[in-house]
Amino acid sequence: MIESGTITGGMIPKVKACIQALEERCKKAHMLDGRTPTAFFLKYSHLKA
């Protein structure tokens, strides 16, 4: 998708980092919108401590 131009600009390093994490056996990789102050909470609020 990077080569086709679907993924561009500042998303390229984020996508590459997720791909690398998955290639190194990370089970999941997430990208959150850092412009949203509650993005982390909204994504993970269902988890128990």
PDB file of N, CA and C in Angstrom:
ATOM      1  N   MET A   1       0.814  -1.190   0.000  1.00  0.00           N
ATOM      2  CA  MET A   1       0.000   0.000   0.000  1.00  0.00           C
ATOM      3  C   MET A   1       0.862   1.260   0.000  1.00  0.00           C
ATOM      4  N   ILE A   2       2.066   1.132   0.544  1.00  0.00           N
ATOM      5  CA  ILE A   2       2.983   2.270   0.495  1.00  0.00           C
ATOM      6  C   ILE A   2       3.407   2.500  -0.954  1.00  0.00           C
ATOM      7  N   GLU A   3       3.786   1.417  -1.637  1.00  0.00           N
ATOM      8  CA  GLU A   3       4.244   1.542  -3.017  1.00  0.00           C
ATOM      9  C   GLU A   3       3.156   2.085  -3.938  1.00  0.00           C
ATOM     10  N   SER A   4       1.902   1.733  -3.674  1.00  0.00           N
ATOM     11  CA  SER A   4       0.804   2.176  -4.539  1.00  0.00           C
ATOM     12  C   SER A   4       0.365   3.604  -4.243  1.00  0.00           C
ATOM     13  N   GLY A   5       0.851   4.153  -3.126  1.00  0.00           N
ATOM     14  CA  GLY A   5       0.489   5.520  -2.779  1.00  0.00           C
ATOM     15  C   GLY A   5      -0.734   5.638  -1.904  1.00  0.00           C
ATOM     16  N   THR A   6      -1.303   4.506  -1.482  1.00  0.00           N
ATOM     17  CA  THR A   6      -2.460   4.535  -0.585  1.00  0.00           C
ATOM     18  C   THR A   6      -2.055   5.057   0.785  1.00  0.00           C
ATOM     19  N   ILE A   7      -0.890   4.618   1.260  1.00  0.00           N
ATOM     20  CA  ILE A   7      -0.341   5.100   2.528  1.00  0.00           C
ATOM     21  C   ILE A   7       0.739   6.119   2.181  1.00  0.00           C
ATOM     22  N   THR A   8       0.605   7.336   2.715  1.00  0.00           N
ATOM     23  CA  THR A   8       1.527   8.409   2.357  1.00  0.00           C
ATOM     24  C   THR A   8       1.948   9.205   3.587  1.00  0.00           C
ATOM     25  N   GLY A   9       2.903  10.094   3.387  1.00  0.00           N
ATOM     26  CA  GLY A   9       3.306  11.073   4.392  1.00  0.00           C
ATOM     27  C   GLY A   9       3.705  10.473   5.725  1.00  0.00           C
ATOM     28  N   GLY A  10       3.180  11.063   6.781  1.00  0.00           N
ATOM     29  CA  GLY A  10       3.541  10.672   8.138  1.00  0.00           C
ATOM     30  C   GLY A  10       3.037   9.305   8.558  1.00  0.00           C
ATOM     31  N   MET A  11       2.150   8.716   7.745  1.00  0.00           N
ATOM     32  CA  MET A  11       1.665   7.375   8.076  1.00  0.00           C
ATOM     33  C   MET A  11       2.678   6.306   7.704  1.00  0.00           C
ATOM     34  N   ILE A  12       3.574   6.599   6.789  1.00  0.00           N
ATOM     35  CA  ILE A  12       4.554   5.601   6.340  1.00  0.00           C
ATOM     36  C   ILE A  12       5.409   5.087   7.496  1.00  0.00           C
ATOM     37  N   PRO A  13       6.051   5.951   8.305  1.00  0.00           N
ATOM     38  CA  PRO A  13       6.864   5.395   9.398  1.00  0.00           C
ATOM     39  C   PRO A  13       6.028   4.656  10.443  1.00  0.00           C
ATOM     40  N   LYS A  14       4.796   5.067  10.646  1.00  0.00           N
ATOM     41  CA  LYS A  14       3.930   4.374  11.608  1.00  0.00           C
ATOM     42  C   LYS A  14       3.594   2.972  11.119  1.00  0.00           C
ATOM     43  N   VAL A  15       3.244   2.864   9.850  1.00  0.00           N
ATOM     44  CA  VAL A  15       2.921   1.563   9.274  1.00  0.00           C
ATOM     45  C   VAL A  15       4.157   0.671   9.255  1.00  0.00           C
ATOM     46  N   LYS A  16       5.295   1.229   8.892  1.00  0.00           N
ATOM     47  CA  LYS A  16       6.531   0.439   8.882  1.00  0.00           C
ATOM     48  C   LYS A  16       6.883  -0.068  10.279  1.00  0.00           C
ATOM     49  N   ALA A  17       6.658   0.757  11.301  1.00  0.00           N
ATOM     50  CA  ALA A  17       6.930   0.331  12.677  1.00  0.00           C
ATOM     51  C   ALA A  17       6.003  -0.803  13.086  1.00  0.00           C
ATOM     52  N   CYS A  18       4.740  -0.733  12.697  1.00  0.00           N
ATOM     53  CA  CYS A  18       3.803  -1.817  13.008  1.00  0.00           C
ATOM     54  C   CYS A  18       4.192  -3.095  12.284  1.00  0.00           C
ATOM     55  N   ILE A  19       4.568  -2.981  11.024  1.00  0.00           N
ATOM     56  CA  ILE A  19       4.995  -4.151  10.262  1.00  0.00           C
ATOM     57  C   ILE A  19       6.219  -4.787  10.908  1.00  0.00           C
ATOM     58  N   GLN A  20       7.185  -3.966  11.303  1.00  0.00           N
ATOM     59  CA  GLN A  20       8.391  -4.494  11.941  1.00  0.00           C
ATOM     60  C   GLN A  20       8.044  -5.202  13.243  1.00  0.00           C
ATOM     61  N   ALA A  21       7.175  -4.605  14.041  1.00  0.00           N
ATOM     62  CA  ALA A  21       6.778  -5.228  15.311  1.00  0.00           C
ATOM     63  C   ALA A  21       6.133  -6.590  15.058  1.00  0.00           C
ATOM     64  N   LEU A  22       5.268  -6.681  14.066  1.00  0.00           N
ATOM     65  CA  LEU A  22       4.611  -7.950  13.759  1.00  0.00           C
ATOM     66  C   LEU A  22       5.601  -8.973  13.214  1.00  0.00           C
ATOM     67  N   GLU A  23       6.546  -8.522  12.415  1.00  0.00           N
ATOM     68  CA  GLU A  23       7.567  -9.434  11.887  1.00  0.00           C
ATOM     69  C   GLU A  23       8.463  -9.975  12.994  1.00  0.00           C
ATOM     70  N   GLU A  24       8.601  -9.222  14.067  1.00  0.00           N
ATOM     71  CA  GLU A  24       9.429  -9.660  15.194  1.00  0.00           C
ATOM     72  C   GLU A  24       8.605 -10.357  16.266  1.00  0.00           C
ATOM     73  N   ARG A  25       7.464 -10.887  15.844  1.00  0.00           N
ATOM     74  CA  ARG A  25       6.605 -11.744  16.652  1.00  0.00           C
ATOM     75  C   ARG A  25       5.760 -11.031  17.704  1.00  0.00           C
ATOM     76  N   CYS A  26       5.586  -9.752  17.570  1.00  0.00           N
ATOM     77  CA  CYS A  26       4.638  -9.040  18.412  1.00  0.00           C
ATOM     78  C   CYS A  26       3.254  -9.532  17.995  1.00  0.00           C
ATOM     79  N   LYS A  27       2.383  -9.823  18.956  1.00  0.00           N
ATOM     80  CA  LYS A  27       1.077 -10.386  18.611  1.00  0.00           C
ATOM     81  C   LYS A  27       0.120  -9.362  18.020  1.00  0.00           C
ATOM     82  N   LYS A  28       0.236  -8.114  18.448  1.00  0.00           N
ATOM     83  CA  LYS A  28      -0.652  -7.064  17.958  1.00  0.00           C
ATOM     84  C   LYS A  28       0.111  -5.750  17.856  1.00  0.00           C
ATOM     85  N   ALA A  29      -0.335  -4.928  16.936  1.00  0.00           N
ATOM     86  CA  ALA A  29       0.217  -3.581  16.815  1.00  0.00           C
ATOM     87  C   ALA A  29      -0.952  -2.628  16.592  1.00  0.00           C
ATOM     88  N   HIS A  30      -0.972  -1.538  17.332  1.00  0.00           N
ATOM     89  CA  HIS A  30      -2.076  -0.582  17.234  1.00  0.00           C
ATOM     90  C   HIS A  30      -1.535   0.802  16.922  1.00  0.00           C
ATOM     91  N   MET A  31      -2.296   1.548  16.158  1.00  0.00           N
ATOM     92  CA  MET A  31      -1.996   2.962  15.937  1.00  0.00           C
ATOM     93  C   MET A  31      -3.161   3.751  16.511  1.00  0.00           C
ATOM     94  N   LEU A  32      -2.833   4.702  17.356  1.00  0.00           N
ATOM     95  CA  LEU A  32      -3.863   5.548  17.961  1.00  0.00           C
ATOM     96  C   LEU A  32      -3.713   6.969  17.451  1.00  0.00           C
ATOM     97  N   ASP A  33      -4.806   7.691  17.441  1.00  0.00           N
ATOM     98  CA  ASP A  33      -4.788   9.091  17.032  1.00  0.00           C
ATOM     99  C   ASP A  33      -4.303   9.934  18.200  1.00  0.00           C
ATOM    100  N   GLY A  34      -3.061  10.388  18.128  1.00  0.00           N
ATOM    101  CA  GLY A  34      -2.481  11.173  19.205  1.00  0.00           C
ATOM    102  C   GLY A  34      -3.093  12.548  19.361  1.00  0.00           C
ATOM    103  N   ARG A  35      -3.887  12.973  18.393  1.00  0.00           N
ATOM    104  CA  ARG A  35      -4.563  14.271  18.495  1.00  0.00           C
ATOM    105  C   ARG A  35      -5.774  14.195  19.409  1.00  0.00           C
ATOM    106  N   THR A  36      -6.215  12.976  19.713  1.00  0.00           N
ATOM    107  CA  THR A  36      -7.377  12.780  20.581  1.00  0.00           C
ATOM    108  C   THR A  36      -6.873  12.445  21.976  1.00  0.00           C
ATOM    109  N   PRO A  37      -7.061  13.339  22.945  1.00  0.00           N
ATOM    110  CA  PRO A  37      -6.521  13.116  24.290  1.00  0.00           C
ATOM    111  C   PRO A  37      -6.980  11.814  24.936  1.00  0.00           C
ATOM    112  N   THR A  38      -8.160  11.329  24.605  1.00  0.00           N
ATOM    113  CA  THR A  38      -8.682  10.124  25.243  1.00  0.00           C
ATOM    114  C   THR A  38      -8.523   8.869  24.384  1.00  0.00           C
ATOM    115  N   ALA A  39      -7.750   8.937  23.304  1.00  0.00           N
ATOM    116  CA  ALA A  39      -7.625   7.804  22.385  1.00  0.00           C
ATOM    117  C   ALA A  39      -7.159   6.536  23.095  1.00  0.00           C
ATOM    118  N   PHE A  40      -6.150   6.645  23.938  1.00  0.00           N
ATOM    119  CA  PHE A  40      -5.646   5.461  24.646  1.00  0.00           C
ATOM    120  C   PHE A  40      -6.712   4.900  25.571  1.00  0.00           C
ATOM    121  N   PHE A  41      -7.361   5.769  26.320  1.00  0.00           N
ATOM    122  CA  PHE A  41      -8.409   5.327  27.244  1.00  0.00           C
ATOM    123  C   PHE A  41      -9.546   4.643  26.483  1.00  0.00           C
ATOM    124  N   LEU A  42      -9.982   5.239  25.391  1.00  0.00           N
ATOM    125  CA  LEU A  42     -11.084   4.660  24.623  1.00  0.00           C
ATOM    126  C   LEU A  42     -10.717   3.294  24.061  1.00  0.00           C
ATOM    127  N   LYS A  43      -9.477   3.127  23.661  1.00  0.00           N
ATOM    128  CA  LYS A  43      -9.040   1.850  23.087  1.00  0.00           C
ATOM    129  C   LYS A  43      -8.910   0.757  24.145  1.00  0.00           C
ATOM    130  N   TYR A  44      -8.432   1.129  25.340  1.00  0.00           N
ATOM    131  CA  TYR A  44      -8.084   0.107  26.336  1.00  0.00           C
ATOM    132  C   TYR A  44      -8.895   0.164  27.621  1.00  0.00           C
ATOM    133  N   SER A  45      -9.954   0.942  27.669  1.00  0.00           N
ATOM    134  CA  SER A  45     -10.732   1.078  28.899  1.00  0.00           C
ATOM    135  C   SER A  45     -11.433  -0.201  29.322  1.00  0.00           C
ATOM    136  N   HIS A  46     -11.615  -1.144  28.397  1.00  0.00           N
ATOM    137  CA  HIS A  46     -12.275  -2.399  28.726  1.00  0.00           C
ATOM    138  C   HIS A  46     -11.364  -3.384  29.464  1.00  0.00           C
ATOM    139  N   LEU A  47     -10.068  -3.134  29.488  1.00  0.00           N
ATOM    140  CA  LEU A  47      -9.126  -4.043  30.130  1.00  0.00           C
ATOM    141  C   LEU A  47      -9.157  -3.872  31.645  1.00  0.00           C
ATOM    142  N   LYS A  48      -8.943  -4.954  32.340  1.00  0.00           N
ATOM    143  CA  LYS A  48      -8.880  -4.905  33.802  1.00  0.00           C
ATOM    144  C   LYS A  48      -7.434  -4.861  34.248  1.00  0.00           C
ATOM    145  N   ALA A  49      -7.168  -4.117  35.300  1.00  0.00           N
ATOM    146  CA  ALA A  49      -5.804  -3.984  35.813  1.00  0.00           C
ATOM    147  C   ALA A  49      -5.384  -5.213  36.566  1.00  0.00           C
TER     148      ALA A  49
END
